C-alpha atoms as a PDB file:
ATOM      1  CA  UNK A   1      27.318 -18.459 -10.423  1.00  0.00           C
ATOM      2  CA  UNK A   2      23.982 -18.249  -9.522  1.00  0.00           C
ATOM      3  CA  UNK A   3      22.107 -18.567  -6.553  1.00  0.00           C
ATOM      4  CA  UNK A   4      19.580 -19.572  -8.034  1.00  0.00           C
ATOM      5  CA  UNK A   5      17.895 -21.378 -10.937  1.00  0.00           C
ATOM      6  CA  UNK A   6      16.140 -18.820 -13.561  1.00  0.00           C
ATOM      7  CA  UNK A   7      15.708 -18.447 -16.957  1.00  0.00           C
ATOM      8  CA  UNK A   8      16.356 -15.461 -18.788  1.00  0.00           C
ATOM      9  CA  UNK A   9      11.590 -14.674 -19.143  1.00  0.00           C
ATOM     10  CA  UNK A  10      12.259 -15.576 -15.023  1.00  0.00           C
ATOM     11  CA  UNK A  11      14.737 -13.056 -14.343  1.00  0.00           C
ATOM     12  CA  UNK A  12      12.943  -9.692 -16.905  1.00  0.00           C
ATOM     13  CA  UNK A  13       9.565 -11.520 -14.439  1.00  0.00           C
ATOM     14  CA  UNK A  14      12.179 -10.642 -10.971  1.00  0.00           C
ATOM     15  CA  UNK A  15      12.881  -7.617 -12.476  1.00  0.00           C
ATOM     16  CA  UNK A  16       9.486  -5.746 -12.876  1.00  0.00           C
ATOM     17  CA  UNK A  17       8.531  -7.484  -8.694  1.00  0.00           C
ATOM     18  CA  UNK A  18      11.890  -4.738  -8.286  1.00  0.00           C
ATOM     19  CA  UNK A  19      10.696  -2.262  -9.710  1.00  0.00           C
ATOM     20  CA  UNK A  20       6.825  -2.729  -8.856  1.00  0.00           C
ATOM     21  CA  UNK A  21       7.976  -3.104  -5.123  1.00  0.00           C
ATOM     22  CA  UNK A  22      10.685  -0.373  -4.670  1.00  0.00           C
ATOM     23  CA  UNK A  23      11.547   1.821  -7.469  1.00  0.00           C
ATOM     24  CA  UNK A  24      10.681   4.411  -4.858  1.00  0.00           C
ATOM     25  CA  UNK A  25      13.883   2.737  -3.184  1.00  0.00           C
ATOM     26  CA  UNK A  26      16.484   3.680  -5.545  1.00  0.00           C
ATOM     27  CA  UNK A  27      18.805   0.872  -6.490  1.00  0.00           C
ATOM     28  CA  UNK A  28      19.745  -0.719  -3.148  1.00  0.00           C
ATOM     29  CA  UNK A  29      16.009  -1.060  -1.966  1.00  0.00           C
ATOM     30  CA  UNK A  30      14.804  -3.285  -5.312  1.00  0.00           C
ATOM     31  CA  UNK A  31      18.366  -4.785  -5.035  1.00  0.00           C
ATOM     32  CA  UNK A  32      16.903  -6.073  -1.673  1.00  0.00           C
ATOM     33  CA  UNK A  33      13.845  -6.602  -2.803  1.00  0.00           C
ATOM     34  CA  UNK A  34      16.432  -9.482  -5.267  1.00  0.00           C
ATOM     35  CA  UNK A  35      17.284 -10.544  -1.294  1.00  0.00           C
ATOM     36  CA  UNK A  36      13.993 -11.199  -0.848  1.00  0.00           C
ATOM     37  CA  UNK A  37      13.365 -13.573  -3.823  1.00  0.00           C
ATOM     38  CA  UNK A  38      16.213 -15.131  -3.563  1.00  0.00           C
ATOM     39  CA  UNK A  39      16.038 -16.197  -0.062  1.00  0.00           C
ATOM     40  CA  UNK A  40      12.557 -16.649  -0.329  1.00  0.00           C
ATOM     41  CA  UNK A  41      12.990 -19.240  -2.948  1.00  0.00           C
ATOM     42  CA  UNK A  42      16.576 -20.439  -1.282  1.00  0.00           C
ATOM     43  CA  UNK A  43      14.149 -21.163   2.061  1.00  0.00           C
ATOM     44  CA  UNK A  44      12.513 -24.339   2.256  1.00  0.00           C
ATOM     45  CA  UNK A  45      11.036 -23.194   5.329  1.00  0.00           C
ATOM     46  CA  UNK A  46       7.973 -20.841   7.010  1.00  0.00           C
ATOM     47  CA  UNK A  47       6.177 -20.003   4.462  1.00  0.00           C
ATOM     48  CA  UNK A  48       7.996 -20.294   1.885  1.00  0.00           C
ATOM     49  CA  UNK A  49       8.091 -24.713   2.094  1.00  0.00           C
ATOM     50  CA  UNK A  50       8.358 -25.535  -1.580  1.00  0.00           C
ATOM     51  CA  UNK A  51       9.153 -21.955  -2.969  1.00  0.00           C
ATOM     52  CA  UNK A  52      11.471 -23.897  -6.498  1.00  0.00           C
ATOM     53  CA  UNK A  53      11.294 -20.849  -8.619  1.00  0.00           C
ATOM     54  CA  UNK A  54      11.505 -17.757  -8.867  1.00  0.00           C
ATOM     55  CA  UNK A  55       7.729 -18.305 -10.434  1.00  0.00           C
ATOM     56  CA  UNK A  56       6.169 -19.502  -7.871  1.00  0.00           C
ATOM     57  CA  UNK A  57       7.931 -16.821  -5.249  1.00  0.00           C
ATOM     58  CA  UNK A  58       6.253 -14.181  -7.366  1.00  0.00           C
ATOM     59  CA  UNK A  59       3.210 -14.959  -7.630  1.00  0.00           C
ATOM     60  CA  UNK A  60       2.137 -16.591  -4.794  1.00  0.00           C
ATOM     61  CA  UNK A  61      -1.316 -16.976  -3.171  1.00  0.00           C
ATOM     62  CA  UNK A  62      -1.264 -15.826   0.297  1.00  0.00           C
ATOM     63  CA  UNK A  63       1.995 -14.502   1.187  1.00  0.00           C
ATOM     64  CA  UNK A  64       2.689 -12.698  -2.216  1.00  0.00           C
ATOM     65  CA  UNK A  65       3.499  -9.755  -3.665  1.00  0.00           C
ATOM     66  CA  UNK A  66       1.036  -7.127  -3.262  1.00  0.00           C
ATOM     67  CA  UNK A  67       2.546  -5.741  -6.542  1.00  0.00           C
ATOM     68  CA  UNK A  68       1.355  -8.103  -9.150  1.00  0.00           C
ATOM     69  CA  UNK A  69      -2.276  -7.088  -8.575  1.00  0.00           C
ATOM     70  CA  UNK A  70      -0.886  -3.778  -9.724  1.00  0.00           C
ATOM     71  CA  UNK A  71      -1.212  -2.668 -13.844  1.00  0.00           C
ATOM     72  CA  UNK A  72       2.490  -1.340 -13.025  1.00  0.00           C
ATOM     73  CA  UNK A  73       4.393  -4.543 -12.514  1.00  0.00           C
ATOM     74  CA  UNK A  74       2.774  -6.508 -15.826  1.00  0.00           C
ATOM     75  CA  UNK A  75       4.707  -3.105 -17.860  1.00  0.00           C
ATOM     76  CA  UNK A  76       7.748  -4.594 -19.494  1.00  0.00           C
ATOM     77  CA  UNK A  77      10.728  -4.954 -18.104  1.00  0.00           C
ATOM     78  CA  UNK A  78      13.290  -2.395 -18.559  1.00  0.00           C
ATOM     79  CA  UNK A  79      17.329  -3.061 -19.116  1.00  0.00           C
ATOM     80  CA  UNK A  80      18.722  -1.013 -15.112  1.00  0.00           C
ATOM     81  CA  UNK A  81      16.184  -3.562 -13.634  1.00  0.00           C
ATOM     82  CA  UNK A  82      16.457  -6.792 -15.866  1.00  0.00           C
ATOM     83  CA  UNK A  83      20.960  -5.900 -14.750  1.00  0.00           C
ATOM     84  CA  UNK A  84      19.297  -6.112 -10.917  1.00  0.00           C
ATOM     85  CA  UNK A  85      17.564  -8.103 -11.017  1.00  0.00           C
ATOM     86  CA  UNK A  86      21.082 -10.733 -12.367  1.00  0.00           C
ATOM     87  CA  UNK A  87      22.331  -9.134  -9.448  1.00  0.00           C
ATOM     88  CA  UNK A  88      20.618 -10.315  -7.467  1.00  0.00           C
ATOM     89  CA  UNK A  89      20.341 -14.462  -8.931  1.00  0.00           C
ATOM     90  CA  UNK A  90      24.107 -14.242  -8.521  1.00  0.00           C
ATOM     91  CA  UNK A  91      23.622 -13.486  -5.160  1.00  0.00           C
ATOM     92  CA  UNK A  92      24.749 -10.300  -4.315  1.00  0.00           C
ATOM     93  CA  UNK A  93      23.704  -9.814  -0.787  1.00  0.00           C
ATOM     94  CA  UNK A  94      22.754  -5.852   0.700  1.00  0.00           C
ATOM     95  CA  UNK A  95      21.760  -4.622   4.370  1.00  0.00           C
ATOM     96  CA  UNK A  96      19.599  -4.909   6.011  1.00  0.00           C
ATOM     97  CA  UNK A  97      17.908  -7.921   3.188  1.00  0.00           C
ATOM     98  CA  UNK A  98      20.787 -10.253   3.260  1.00  0.00           C
ATOM     99  CA  UNK A  99      18.627 -12.561   5.042  1.00  0.00           C
ATOM    100  CA  UNK A 100      15.234 -11.287   5.399  1.00  0.00           C
ATOM    101  CA  UNK A 101      12.250 -13.449   3.604  1.00  0.00           C
ATOM    102  CA  UNK A 102       9.825 -10.781   4.736  1.00  0.00           C
ATOM    103  CA  UNK A 103       9.231  -6.913   4.165  1.00  0.00           C
ATOM    104  CA  UNK A 104       6.571  -4.176   4.176  1.00  0.00           C
ATOM    105  CA  UNK A 105       5.747  -0.628   4.447  1.00  0.00           C
ATOM    106  CA  UNK A 106       4.297   0.987   7.408  1.00  0.00           C
ATOM    107  CA  UNK A 107       3.094   4.060   7.704  1.00  0.00           C
ATOM    108  CA  UNK A 108       5.892   5.247  10.435  1.00  0.00           C
ATOM    109  CA  UNK A 109       7.897   3.403  11.797  1.00  0.00           C
ATOM    110  CA  UNK A 110       9.472   0.380  11.796  1.00  0.00           C
ATOM    111  CA  UNK A 111       7.841  -2.294  14.464  1.00  0.00           C
ATOM    112  CA  UNK A 112      10.523  -4.249  16.073  1.00  0.00           C
ATOM    113  CA  UNK A 113       8.650  -7.543  15.036  1.00  0.00           C
ATOM    114  CA  UNK A 114       5.687  -8.661  11.475  1.00  0.00           C
ATOM    115  CA  UNK A 115       3.710 -11.306  12.177  1.00  0.00           C
ATOM    116  CA  UNK A 116       6.227 -13.197  14.151  1.00  0.00           C
ATOM    117  CA  UNK A 117       9.478 -12.216  13.300  1.00  0.00           C
ATOM    118  CA  UNK A 118      11.641  -9.898  14.112  1.00  0.00           C
ATOM    119  CA  UNK A 119      13.356  -6.687  12.663  1.00  0.00           C
ATOM    120  CA  UNK A 120      17.507  -6.354  10.520  1.00  0.00           C
ATOM    121  CA  UNK A 121      16.506  -2.831   9.888  1.00  0.00           C
ATOM    122  CA  UNK A 122      15.020  -0.659   7.425  1.00  0.00           C
ATOM    123  CA  UNK A 123      15.640   0.858   4.095  1.00  0.00           C
ATOM    124  CA  UNK A 124      13.423   4.170   3.468  1.00  0.00           C
ATOM    125  CA  UNK A 125      10.462   3.639   3.176  1.00  0.00           C
ATOM    126  CA  UNK A 126      10.974  -0.744   3.968  1.00  0.00           C
ATOM    127  CA  UNK A 127      11.538  -1.777   7.234  1.00  0.00           C
ATOM    128  CA  UNK A 128      12.949  -5.827   6.072  1.00  0.00           C
ATOM    129  CA  UNK A 129      12.435  -8.627   8.799  1.00  0.00           C
ATOM    130  CA  UNK A 130      14.771 -11.697   9.169  1.00  0.00           C
ATOM    131  CA  UNK A 131      13.487 -15.688  10.973  1.00  0.00           C
ATOM    132  CA  UNK A 132      14.833 -15.949  13.906  1.00  0.00           C
ATOM    133  CA  UNK A 133      18.439 -18.047  14.304  1.00  0.00           C
ATOM    134  CA  UNK A 134      17.471 -21.768  13.503  1.00  0.00           C
ATOM    135  CA  UNK A 135      14.566 -21.776  11.369  1.00  0.00           C
ATOM    136  CA  UNK A 136      15.540 -21.611   8.294  1.00  0.00           C
ATOM    137  CA  UNK A 137      19.354 -23.066   8.191  1.00  0.00           C
ATOM    138  CA  UNK A 138      19.219 -22.122   4.135  1.00  0.00           C
ATOM    139  CA  UNK A 139      19.234 -18.458   4.835  1.00  0.00           C
ATOM    140  CA  UNK A 140      20.849 -18.033   8.092  1.00  0.00           C
END
């Protein structure tokens, strides 16, 4: 059963986003980006109120993903990427992204907070950040 509603076209968009944001971090890195995306659809809090669909999450502006500004994002989704996106929308979660709403790729170490949100951990090149307990009860 899916954690969020989606159709196949939306699933392919999520697959493209996951690849464009984290392909260099391998399958787990891409799944972690998928976790963040699904969490944003579920959250209904902070920067993500009224984000209820994959397209509204993917193309959110301001506050969305930088990858949608890259031509790489607009390339056709590959089957292996679609399989990973399907795992994310079905609710498979992985640490440190299982409750995260944000991630970014720093030049060096992960700061303990990013825009006032606490670090949940790092996976390869990306740092992941969770909301504080009580801020987003739909995901924490």
